[in-house]
Amino acid sequence: QLQLVESGGGLVQPGGSLTLSCVASGFTLEHYTVGWIRQAPGKEREEVACISRSDGVPTHVDSVKGRFRISRDRVKTVWLEMNSLNSEDTGVYYCVASQSAGLCVPSGMDNWGKGTLVTVFS
């Protein structure tokens, strides 16, 4: 009944841009912490960006600061704008959300989408 669906992934050349979107159904994202977590083959999962329900301030991991931007509306949709993509950005990107997590902690995210694949390759 609770579902997050990502879209917007694909193949992009280095230096290119993509914008991912995540749409919630079955529940509203109002008062939820929302974010994006990615995983590349052979690497640990990494929280790329997050908006905490505690303060509503977007945060981004150092490796994407200045290149990626997370945004959201109040109830339904989360976006991840990605610019200046490089090969290290390749991976499956998951939209995540939590009603109980007041901070942006990956282990606290109890709602996950199925992911969308981003491949940066020339």
N, C-alpha and C. Protein backbone atom coordinates (compact mmCIF):
# COMPACT_ATOMS: atom_id res chain seq x y z
N GLN A 1 0.82 -1.20 0.00
CA GLN A 1 0.00 0.00 0.00
C GLN A 1 0.86 1.26 0.00
N LEU A 2 2.01 1.16 0.62
CA LEU A 2 2.95 2.29 0.65
C LEU A 2 4.01 2.03 -0.42
N GLN A 3 4.17 2.98 -1.31
CA GLN A 3 5.03 2.75 -2.45
C GLN A 3 5.76 4.02 -2.86
N LEU A 4 7.02 3.85 -3.20
CA LEU A 4 7.83 4.91 -3.79
C LEU A 4 8.31 4.42 -5.15
N VAL A 5 8.10 5.22 -6.17
CA VAL A 5 8.48 4.83 -7.53
C VAL A 5 9.40 5.87 -8.11
N GLU A 6 10.62 5.43 -8.46
CA GLU A 6 11.60 6.32 -9.06
C GLU A 6 11.52 6.26 -10.58
N SER A 7 11.95 7.32 -11.21
CA SER A 7 12.07 7.36 -12.65
C SER A 7 13.13 8.38 -13.03
N GLY A 8 13.57 8.32 -14.27
CA GLY A 8 14.50 9.31 -14.78
C GLY A 8 15.91 8.82 -14.99
N GLY A 9 16.22 7.60 -14.56
CA GLY A 9 17.55 7.08 -14.77
C GLY A 9 17.80 6.73 -16.22
N GLY A 10 19.05 6.49 -16.54
CA GLY A 10 19.40 6.13 -17.89
C GLY A 10 20.88 6.26 -18.13
N LEU A 11 21.25 6.24 -19.39
CA LEU A 11 22.64 6.36 -19.80
C LEU A 11 22.94 7.81 -20.13
N VAL A 12 24.02 8.31 -19.57
CA VAL A 12 24.40 9.69 -19.80
C VAL A 12 25.91 9.78 -19.93
N GLN A 13 26.38 10.68 -20.76
CA GLN A 13 27.81 10.87 -20.94
C GLN A 13 28.40 11.66 -19.78
N PRO A 14 29.69 11.46 -19.51
CA PRO A 14 30.34 12.28 -18.48
C PRO A 14 30.15 13.77 -18.75
N GLY A 15 29.87 14.49 -17.70
CA GLY A 15 29.58 15.91 -17.82
C GLY A 15 28.12 16.23 -18.07
N GLY A 16 27.33 15.22 -18.33
CA GLY A 16 25.93 15.41 -18.60
C GLY A 16 25.10 15.54 -17.34
N SER A 17 23.79 15.63 -17.55
CA SER A 17 22.86 15.85 -16.46
C SER A 17 21.67 14.92 -16.56
N LEU A 18 21.11 14.59 -15.43
CA LEU A 18 19.87 13.85 -15.32
C LEU A 18 19.11 14.36 -14.12
N THR A 19 17.80 14.27 -14.18
CA THR A 19 16.97 14.57 -13.03
C THR A 19 16.11 13.36 -12.71
N LEU A 20 16.25 12.85 -11.52
CA LEU A 20 15.45 11.73 -11.06
C LEU A 20 14.23 12.25 -10.32
N SER A 21 13.16 11.49 -10.40
CA SER A 21 11.97 11.83 -9.65
C SER A 21 11.48 10.61 -8.89
N CYS A 22 10.78 10.87 -7.82
CA CYS A 22 10.23 9.83 -6.96
C CYS A 22 8.83 10.25 -6.58
N VAL A 23 7.88 9.38 -6.83
CA VAL A 23 6.48 9.68 -6.54
C VAL A 23 5.95 8.70 -5.51
N ALA A 24 5.35 9.22 -4.48
CA ALA A 24 4.78 8.40 -3.42
C ALA A 24 3.31 8.12 -3.68
N SER A 25 2.90 6.91 -3.37
CA SER A 25 1.49 6.55 -3.44
C SER A 25 1.14 5.72 -2.21
N GLY A 26 -0.10 5.77 -1.83
CA GLY A 26 -0.54 5.04 -0.65
C GLY A 26 -0.33 5.77 0.65
N PHE A 27 0.44 6.83 0.61
CA PHE A 27 0.68 7.64 1.78
C PHE A 27 1.18 9.00 1.33
N THR A 28 1.11 9.95 2.20
CA THR A 28 1.63 11.27 1.91
C THR A 28 3.00 11.44 2.53
N LEU A 29 3.85 12.19 1.86
CA LEU A 29 5.19 12.44 2.36
C LEU A 29 5.26 13.61 3.32
N GLU A 30 4.13 14.20 3.60
CA GLU A 30 4.12 15.28 4.57
C GLU A 30 4.66 14.78 5.91
N HIS A 31 5.58 15.51 6.48
CA HIS A 31 6.21 15.19 7.75
C HIS A 31 7.18 14.01 7.66
N TYR A 32 7.57 13.62 6.46
CA TYR A 32 8.54 12.56 6.25
C TYR A 32 9.92 13.12 5.96
N THR A 33 10.93 12.46 6.48
CA THR A 33 12.28 12.64 5.99
C THR A 33 12.40 11.90 4.66
N VAL A 34 12.96 12.54 3.66
CA VAL A 34 13.08 11.93 2.34
C VAL A 34 14.51 12.07 1.85
N GLY A 35 14.92 11.14 0.99
CA GLY A 35 16.28 11.20 0.49
C GLY A 35 16.52 10.27 -0.67
N TRP A 36 17.76 10.28 -1.09
CA TRP A 36 18.22 9.41 -2.17
C TRP A 36 19.47 8.68 -1.70
N ILE A 37 19.48 7.37 -1.87
CA ILE A 37 20.61 6.52 -1.55
C ILE A 37 21.02 5.79 -2.81
N ARG A 38 22.31 5.75 -3.07
CA ARG A 38 22.79 5.05 -4.26
C ARG A 38 23.72 3.91 -3.88
N GLN A 39 23.81 2.94 -4.78
CA GLN A 39 24.72 1.83 -4.59
C GLN A 39 25.31 1.43 -5.93
N ALA A 40 26.62 1.43 -5.98
CA ALA A 40 27.35 0.98 -7.16
C ALA A 40 27.92 -0.40 -6.89
N PRO A 41 28.16 -1.18 -7.93
CA PRO A 41 28.74 -2.50 -7.73
C PRO A 41 30.05 -2.44 -6.97
N GLY A 42 30.17 -3.27 -5.94
CA GLY A 42 31.38 -3.32 -5.16
C GLY A 42 31.55 -2.19 -4.15
N LYS A 43 30.56 -1.33 -4.04
CA LYS A 43 30.65 -0.22 -3.11
C LYS A 43 29.53 -0.29 -2.08
N GLU A 44 29.76 0.37 -0.96
CA GLU A 44 28.74 0.46 0.06
C GLU A 44 27.65 1.44 -0.37
N ARG A 45 26.48 1.23 0.18
CA ARG A 45 25.42 2.18 -0.05
C ARG A 45 25.80 3.56 0.49
N GLU A 46 25.42 4.57 -0.23
CA GLU A 46 25.79 5.93 0.12
C GLU A 46 24.56 6.83 0.06
N GLU A 47 24.30 7.54 1.13
CA GLU A 47 23.22 8.51 1.12
C GLU A 47 23.71 9.74 0.38
N VAL A 48 23.11 9.99 -0.76
CA VAL A 48 23.53 11.08 -1.62
C VAL A 48 22.97 12.41 -1.14
N ALA A 49 21.71 12.41 -0.81
CA ALA A 49 21.04 13.65 -0.43
C ALA A 49 19.84 13.33 0.43
N CYS A 50 19.44 14.31 1.22
CA CYS A 50 18.36 14.07 2.16
C CYS A 50 17.75 15.40 2.58
N ILE A 51 16.47 15.35 2.88
CA ILE A 51 15.77 16.47 3.49
C ILE A 51 15.12 15.95 4.76
N SER A 52 15.62 16.39 5.88
CA SER A 52 15.10 15.94 7.16
C SER A 52 13.76 16.59 7.46
N ARG A 53 12.87 15.81 8.06
CA ARG A 53 11.60 16.38 8.49
C ARG A 53 11.78 17.28 9.70
N SER A 54 12.93 17.19 10.36
CA SER A 54 13.18 18.01 11.53
C SER A 54 13.34 19.47 11.19
N ASP A 55 14.06 19.77 10.11
CA ASP A 55 14.30 21.15 9.76
C ASP A 55 14.02 21.49 8.31
N GLY A 56 13.82 20.48 7.48
CA GLY A 56 13.51 20.72 6.08
C GLY A 56 14.66 21.26 5.26
N VAL A 57 15.88 21.15 5.77
CA VAL A 57 17.05 21.69 5.09
C VAL A 57 17.71 20.59 4.27
N PRO A 58 17.88 20.79 2.96
CA PRO A 58 18.55 19.77 2.14
C PRO A 58 20.01 19.60 2.52
N THR A 59 20.46 18.37 2.54
CA THR A 59 21.86 18.06 2.76
C THR A 59 22.34 17.13 1.67
N HIS A 60 23.63 17.21 1.37
CA HIS A 60 24.22 16.41 0.31
C HIS A 60 25.58 15.88 0.75
N VAL A 61 25.89 14.68 0.33
CA VAL A 61 27.19 14.11 0.63
C VAL A 61 28.27 14.94 -0.08
N ASP A 62 29.45 14.99 0.51
CA ASP A 62 30.50 15.86 -0.01
C ASP A 62 30.81 15.62 -1.48
N SER A 63 30.76 14.38 -1.91
CA SER A 63 31.15 14.05 -3.27
C SER A 63 30.20 14.61 -4.32
N VAL A 64 29.00 15.03 -3.92
CA VAL A 64 28.05 15.56 -4.89
C VAL A 64 27.68 17.00 -4.63
N LYS A 65 28.20 17.59 -3.57
CA LYS A 65 27.88 18.97 -3.26
C LYS A 65 28.28 19.88 -4.41
N GLY A 66 27.38 20.76 -4.77
CA GLY A 66 27.61 21.65 -5.88
C GLY A 66 27.22 21.08 -7.22
N ARG A 67 26.97 19.78 -7.27
CA ARG A 67 26.57 19.12 -8.52
C ARG A 67 25.15 18.58 -8.47
N PHE A 68 24.75 18.06 -7.32
CA PHE A 68 23.42 17.49 -7.16
C PHE A 68 22.58 18.39 -6.27
N ARG A 69 21.28 18.34 -6.48
CA ARG A 69 20.38 19.08 -5.62
C ARG A 69 19.09 18.29 -5.41
N ILE A 70 18.78 18.04 -4.16
CA ILE A 70 17.52 17.38 -3.82
C ILE A 70 16.45 18.44 -3.57
N SER A 71 15.25 18.13 -3.97
CA SER A 71 14.12 19.01 -3.71
C SER A 71 12.87 18.16 -3.56
N ARG A 72 11.80 18.77 -3.08
CA ARG A 72 10.57 18.04 -2.85
C ARG A 72 9.40 19.00 -2.85
N ASP A 73 8.21 18.43 -3.07
CA ASP A 73 7.01 19.16 -2.75
C ASP A 73 6.55 18.71 -1.37
N ARG A 74 5.40 19.11 -0.96
CA ARG A 74 5.01 18.87 0.41
C ARG A 74 4.52 17.45 0.66
N VAL A 75 3.93 16.81 -0.38
CA VAL A 75 3.21 15.57 -0.10
C VAL A 75 3.52 14.39 -1.00
N LYS A 76 4.09 14.62 -2.19
CA LYS A 76 4.05 13.54 -3.17
C LYS A 76 5.36 13.22 -3.87
N THR A 77 6.16 14.23 -4.17
CA THR A 77 7.26 14.03 -5.10
C THR A 77 8.59 14.50 -4.53
N VAL A 78 9.64 13.74 -4.84
CA VAL A 78 11.01 14.10 -4.50
C VAL A 78 11.83 14.06 -5.78
N TRP A 79 12.68 15.04 -5.98
CA TRP A 79 13.55 15.10 -7.15
C TRP A 79 15.01 15.07 -6.74
N LEU A 80 15.85 14.62 -7.65
CA LEU A 80 17.28 14.74 -7.51
C LEU A 80 17.84 15.24 -8.84
N GLU A 81 18.24 16.48 -8.86
CA GLU A 81 18.86 17.07 -10.04
C GLU A 81 20.35 16.77 -9.99
N MET A 82 20.87 16.17 -11.03
CA MET A 82 22.26 15.75 -11.08
C MET A 82 22.94 16.41 -12.27
N ASN A 83 24.02 17.10 -12.00
CA ASN A 83 24.79 17.79 -13.03
C ASN A 83 26.25 17.36 -12.96
N SER A 84 26.97 17.62 -14.04
CA SER A 84 28.41 17.31 -14.12
C SER A 84 28.68 15.88 -13.69
N LEU A 85 27.92 14.97 -14.24
CA LEU A 85 28.03 13.57 -13.85
C LEU A 85 29.36 12.98 -14.28
N ASN A 86 29.88 12.10 -13.46
CA ASN A 86 31.10 11.37 -13.78
C ASN A 86 30.88 9.89 -13.51
N SER A 87 31.87 9.09 -13.85
CA SER A 87 31.72 7.64 -13.76
C SER A 87 31.46 7.16 -12.34
N GLU A 88 31.95 7.88 -11.35
CA GLU A 88 31.72 7.49 -9.96
C GLU A 88 30.28 7.69 -9.52
N ASP A 89 29.50 8.37 -10.33
CA ASP A 89 28.09 8.55 -10.02
C ASP A 89 27.25 7.39 -10.51
N THR A 90 27.83 6.48 -11.24
CA THR A 90 27.10 5.33 -11.74
C THR A 90 26.60 4.47 -10.58
N GLY A 91 25.37 4.03 -10.68
CA GLY A 91 24.81 3.17 -9.67
C GLY A 91 23.30 3.16 -9.71
N VAL A 92 22.73 2.37 -8.84
CA VAL A 92 21.29 2.35 -8.67
C VAL A 92 20.91 3.37 -7.61
N TYR A 93 20.00 4.24 -7.94
CA TYR A 93 19.57 5.29 -7.04
C TYR A 93 18.20 4.94 -6.48
N TYR A 94 18.12 4.92 -5.17
CA TYR A 94 16.89 4.57 -4.48
C TYR A 94 16.29 5.80 -3.80
N CYS A 95 15.03 5.99 -3.99
CA CYS A 95 14.29 6.98 -3.23
C CYS A 95 13.92 6.36 -1.89
N VAL A 96 14.16 7.08 -0.82
CA VAL A 96 13.90 6.56 0.51
C VAL A 96 13.14 7.59 1.33
N ALA A 97 12.43 7.10 2.33
CA ALA A 97 11.64 7.98 3.17
C ALA A 97 11.41 7.34 4.52
N SER A 98 11.20 8.18 5.51
CA SER A 98 10.91 7.71 6.86
C SER A 98 10.05 8.72 7.58
N GLN A 99 9.03 8.22 8.24
CA GLN A 99 8.19 9.07 9.07
C GLN A 99 8.79 9.24 10.45
N SER A 100 9.50 8.23 10.93
CA SER A 100 10.02 8.24 12.28
C SER A 100 11.41 8.84 12.40
N ALA A 101 12.20 8.78 11.33
CA ALA A 101 13.56 9.28 11.38
C ALA A 101 13.57 10.80 11.28
N GLY A 102 13.99 11.44 12.35
CA GLY A 102 14.07 12.88 12.34
C GLY A 102 15.34 13.41 11.72
N LEU A 103 16.35 12.56 11.62
CA LEU A 103 17.62 12.91 11.03
C LEU A 103 17.87 12.08 9.78
N CYS A 104 18.78 12.54 8.96
CA CYS A 104 19.11 11.86 7.72
C CYS A 104 20.11 10.75 7.99
N VAL A 105 19.61 9.63 8.44
CA VAL A 105 20.41 8.45 8.73
C VAL A 105 19.92 7.32 7.84
N PRO A 106 20.78 6.77 6.97
CA PRO A 106 20.33 5.73 6.05
C PRO A 106 19.66 4.55 6.72
N SER A 107 20.18 4.13 7.88
CA SER A 107 19.60 2.98 8.56
C SER A 107 18.20 3.27 9.08
N GLY A 108 17.85 4.51 9.18
CA GLY A 108 16.53 4.87 9.65
C GLY A 108 15.47 4.94 8.57
N MET A 109 15.89 4.80 7.33
CA MET A 109 14.94 4.86 6.21
C MET A 109 14.24 3.52 6.06
N ASP A 110 12.96 3.51 6.31
CA ASP A 110 12.21 2.26 6.30
C ASP A 110 11.26 2.13 5.11
N ASN A 111 11.30 3.07 4.21
CA ASN A 111 10.56 2.98 2.96
C ASN A 111 11.53 3.20 1.81
N TRP A 112 11.57 2.24 0.91
CA TRP A 112 12.50 2.29 -0.22
C TRP A 112 11.75 2.04 -1.52
N GLY A 113 12.14 2.75 -2.55
CA GLY A 113 11.70 2.42 -3.88
C GLY A 113 12.53 1.27 -4.42
N LYS A 114 12.20 0.84 -5.62
CA LYS A 114 12.93 -0.26 -6.25
C LYS A 114 14.21 0.19 -6.93
N GLY A 115 14.39 1.46 -7.10
CA GLY A 115 15.61 2.00 -7.65
C GLY A 115 15.51 2.30 -9.13
N THR A 116 16.35 3.22 -9.57
CA THR A 116 16.50 3.52 -10.98
C THR A 116 17.99 3.59 -11.29
N LEU A 117 18.39 3.00 -12.39
CA LEU A 117 19.80 2.88 -12.72
C LEU A 117 20.30 4.10 -13.47
N VAL A 118 21.40 4.64 -12.98
CA VAL A 118 22.09 5.73 -13.65
C VAL A 118 23.45 5.21 -14.10
N THR A 119 23.71 5.29 -15.38
CA THR A 119 24.99 4.83 -15.93
C THR A 119 25.67 6.00 -16.63
N VAL A 120 26.84 6.35 -16.16
CA VAL A 120 27.62 7.43 -16.74
C VAL A 120 28.76 6.79 -17.52
N PHE A 121 28.69 6.91 -18.83
CA PHE A 121 29.63 6.21 -19.70
C PHE A 121 29.69 6.91 -21.04
N SER A 122 30.88 7.02 -21.57
CA SER A 122 31.07 7.65 -22.87
C SER A 122 31.17 6.66 -24.00
